[in-house]
């Protein structure tokens, strides 16, 4: 399975890196392919290293703007001309999407994926690995959107929140991917 992962390109505290490393190990051990932003920096690099070490395959989708941070050990590395094309390619290559902790870029990527899913333009599973309750505020906002009628589909059809890497993979298994 090709699992597109959105996450931070910054170096983070161990409370975020340890679960990401565990997720990477599980991804690789299960023989999946990591499709990610193609960077060696921060959490992205840690994720790629872990997947590669555990025997998984790496498909990086970098962008010209960040080509200097491209991961050199990827099995395949594509350089998109801009962020919009990169996002489209990350989703196109995905069988499922997993969201680890991240900043504005991660939020931009996943909100577009959810918007497209809301309109039935794809039906790929989207799972947040909600480490340390990082996405609690976003989850609350999404629940409010659902309650107040801003979502045409039930929230649980759009996204699943998991608190551990094992729960994230259990959700992917349950969703048939």
Protein backbone atom coordinates (compact mmCIF):
# COMPACT_ATOMS: atom_id res chain seq x y z
CA UNK A 1 0.00 0.00 0.00
CA UNK A 2 1.18 3.54 -0.75
CA UNK A 3 0.74 5.62 2.38
CA UNK A 4 1.07 9.35 1.89
CA UNK A 5 2.19 11.01 5.09
CA UNK A 6 1.94 14.70 5.84
CA UNK A 7 4.18 15.93 8.66
CA UNK A 8 6.60 18.57 9.84
CA UNK A 9 9.95 19.25 8.24
CA UNK A 10 11.22 20.65 11.56
CA UNK A 11 13.19 18.88 14.25
CA UNK A 12 10.87 18.27 17.18
CA UNK A 13 10.80 17.10 20.77
CA UNK A 14 11.01 13.35 21.47
CA UNK A 15 7.35 13.24 22.50
CA UNK A 16 6.63 13.75 18.78
CA UNK A 17 9.61 11.98 17.22
CA UNK A 18 9.28 8.70 19.16
CA UNK A 19 5.73 7.95 17.90
CA UNK A 20 6.75 9.03 14.39
CA UNK A 21 9.72 6.63 14.51
CA UNK A 22 7.42 3.83 15.69
CA UNK A 23 4.98 4.61 12.87
CA UNK A 24 7.85 4.55 10.34
CA UNK A 25 9.06 1.19 11.64
CA UNK A 26 5.57 -0.33 11.36
CA UNK A 27 5.11 1.09 7.87
CA UNK A 28 8.38 -0.43 6.70
CA UNK A 29 7.91 -3.77 8.46
CA UNK A 30 4.48 -4.16 6.86
CA UNK A 31 6.05 -3.71 3.42
CA UNK A 32 4.28 -0.47 2.61
CA UNK A 33 5.60 2.44 0.57
CA UNK A 34 6.02 5.85 2.17
CA UNK A 35 4.94 8.66 -0.13
CA UNK A 36 5.98 11.95 1.46
CA UNK A 37 7.29 15.43 0.83
CA UNK A 38 10.70 14.04 -0.10
CA UNK A 39 12.69 15.98 2.48
CA UNK A 40 15.58 14.88 4.67
CA UNK A 41 14.74 17.63 7.18
CA UNK A 42 13.16 17.21 10.59
CA UNK A 43 10.34 14.76 11.12
CA UNK A 44 10.19 14.05 7.37
CA UNK A 45 13.78 12.80 7.40
CA UNK A 46 13.29 10.77 10.56
CA UNK A 47 10.23 9.14 9.00
CA UNK A 48 12.06 8.29 5.76
CA UNK A 49 15.07 6.90 7.62
CA UNK A 50 12.84 4.70 9.77
CA UNK A 51 10.83 3.34 6.85
CA UNK A 52 13.97 2.61 4.84
CA UNK A 53 15.67 0.92 7.79
CA UNK A 54 12.59 -1.30 8.31
CA UNK A 55 12.53 -2.41 4.67
CA UNK A 56 9.88 -0.10 3.22
CA UNK A 57 10.02 1.75 -0.06
CA UNK A 58 10.35 5.56 -0.34
CA UNK A 59 8.65 7.78 -2.92
CA UNK A 60 9.45 11.44 -2.37
CA UNK A 61 7.50 14.25 -3.98
CA UNK A 62 9.66 17.31 -3.52
CA UNK A 63 9.16 20.79 -4.91
CA UNK A 64 11.62 23.05 -6.76
CA UNK A 65 11.50 25.57 -3.92
CA UNK A 66 12.82 22.93 -1.49
CA UNK A 67 14.96 20.81 -3.82
CA UNK A 68 18.03 21.54 -1.66
CA UNK A 69 16.38 19.52 1.15
CA UNK A 70 15.59 16.47 -0.99
CA UNK A 71 16.17 13.04 0.56
CA UNK A 72 18.98 11.38 -1.36
CA UNK A 73 18.15 7.78 -0.44
CA UNK A 74 14.63 7.67 -1.89
CA UNK A 75 13.70 4.83 -4.24
CA UNK A 76 11.96 7.43 -6.37
CA UNK A 77 12.17 11.20 -6.12
CA UNK A 78 9.94 13.51 -8.14
CA UNK A 79 10.39 17.28 -8.17
CA UNK A 80 7.14 19.15 -8.70
CA UNK A 81 7.24 22.72 -10.06
CA UNK A 82 5.14 24.14 -7.20
CA UNK A 83 3.27 23.26 -4.02
CA UNK A 84 -0.12 22.82 -5.73
CA UNK A 85 1.25 20.21 -8.15
CA UNK A 86 3.09 18.53 -5.26
CA UNK A 87 -0.14 18.21 -3.24
CA UNK A 88 -1.96 16.73 -6.23
CA UNK A 89 0.81 14.19 -6.79
CA UNK A 90 0.94 13.23 -3.11
CA UNK A 91 -2.78 12.46 -3.17
CA UNK A 92 -2.67 10.78 -6.58
CA UNK A 93 0.02 8.35 -5.40
CA UNK A 94 -1.81 7.56 -2.13
CA UNK A 95 -3.87 4.53 -1.24
CA UNK A 96 -4.32 6.16 2.17
CA UNK A 97 -3.26 9.37 3.92
CA UNK A 98 -1.82 9.61 7.42
CA UNK A 99 -1.22 12.93 9.14
CA UNK A 100 1.49 13.26 11.78
CA UNK A 101 2.22 16.44 13.72
CA UNK A 102 3.01 19.40 11.53
CA UNK A 103 2.62 23.08 10.89
CA UNK A 104 0.88 25.22 8.29
CA UNK A 105 2.06 23.15 5.33
CA UNK A 106 0.67 19.98 6.89
CA UNK A 107 -2.60 21.73 7.70
CA UNK A 108 -2.82 23.07 4.14
CA UNK A 109 -2.25 19.61 2.67
CA UNK A 110 -4.75 17.76 4.83
CA UNK A 111 -7.52 20.34 4.57
CA UNK A 112 -7.35 20.09 0.78
CA UNK A 113 -7.47 16.29 0.98
CA UNK A 114 -10.51 16.49 3.29
CA UNK A 115 -12.25 19.02 1.05
CA UNK A 116 -11.76 16.77 -1.97
CA UNK A 117 -13.02 13.77 -0.01
CA UNK A 118 -16.05 15.75 1.19
CA UNK A 119 -17.01 16.22 -2.46
CA UNK A 120 -16.40 12.51 -3.24
CA UNK A 121 -13.43 13.31 -5.50
CA UNK A 122 -11.56 10.51 -3.73
CA UNK A 123 -12.43 7.99 -1.05
CA UNK A 124 -9.01 7.27 0.41
CA UNK A 125 -8.79 6.76 4.17
CA UNK A 126 -7.47 9.79 6.09
CA UNK A 127 -6.05 9.07 9.54
CA UNK A 128 -4.62 11.59 11.98
CA UNK A 129 -1.97 10.22 14.33
CA UNK A 130 -2.95 12.60 17.11
CA UNK A 131 0.22 12.43 19.18
CA UNK A 132 -0.06 14.16 22.55
CA UNK A 133 -3.47 15.53 21.56
CA UNK A 134 -1.78 17.78 19.00
CA UNK A 135 -4.89 17.85 16.81
CA UNK A 136 -7.47 18.12 19.61
CA UNK A 137 -8.39 21.67 18.61
CA UNK A 138 -8.81 20.71 14.96
CA UNK A 139 -10.91 17.70 15.94
CA UNK A 140 -13.14 19.92 18.05
CA UNK A 141 -13.55 22.34 15.13
CA UNK A 142 -14.39 19.53 12.71
CA UNK A 143 -16.94 18.13 15.18
CA UNK A 144 -18.53 21.57 15.45
CA UNK A 145 -18.67 21.82 11.65
CA UNK A 146 -20.47 18.48 11.58
CA UNK A 147 -22.88 19.37 14.41
CA UNK A 148 -23.78 22.73 12.90
CA UNK A 149 -24.36 21.36 9.40
CA UNK A 150 -21.22 22.47 7.58
CA UNK A 151 -20.31 18.95 6.43
CA UNK A 152 -22.46 17.08 3.91
CA UNK A 153 -21.04 13.75 5.12
CA UNK A 154 -20.58 12.39 8.64
CA UNK A 155 -17.17 13.27 10.04
CA UNK A 156 -16.30 9.62 10.63
CA UNK A 157 -16.62 9.05 6.87
CA UNK A 158 -14.04 11.76 6.24
CA UNK A 159 -11.41 11.13 8.88
CA UNK A 160 -10.29 8.90 11.74
CA UNK A 161 -8.26 10.06 14.74
CA UNK A 162 -5.79 7.61 16.32
CA UNK A 163 -3.60 8.16 19.35
CA UNK A 164 -0.89 5.57 18.65
CA UNK A 165 0.84 4.23 15.54
CA UNK A 166 -0.76 0.81 16.18
CA UNK A 167 -4.22 2.45 16.27
CA UNK A 168 -3.46 4.27 13.01
CA UNK A 169 -2.63 0.99 11.26
CA UNK A 170 -5.66 -0.71 12.83
CA UNK A 171 -7.82 2.07 11.34
CA UNK A 172 -6.21 1.56 7.91
CA UNK A 173 -6.82 -2.20 8.19
CA UNK A 174 -10.44 -1.62 9.24
CA UNK A 175 -11.01 0.74 6.33
CA UNK A 176 -9.92 -2.01 3.97
CA UNK A 177 -6.62 -0.60 2.80
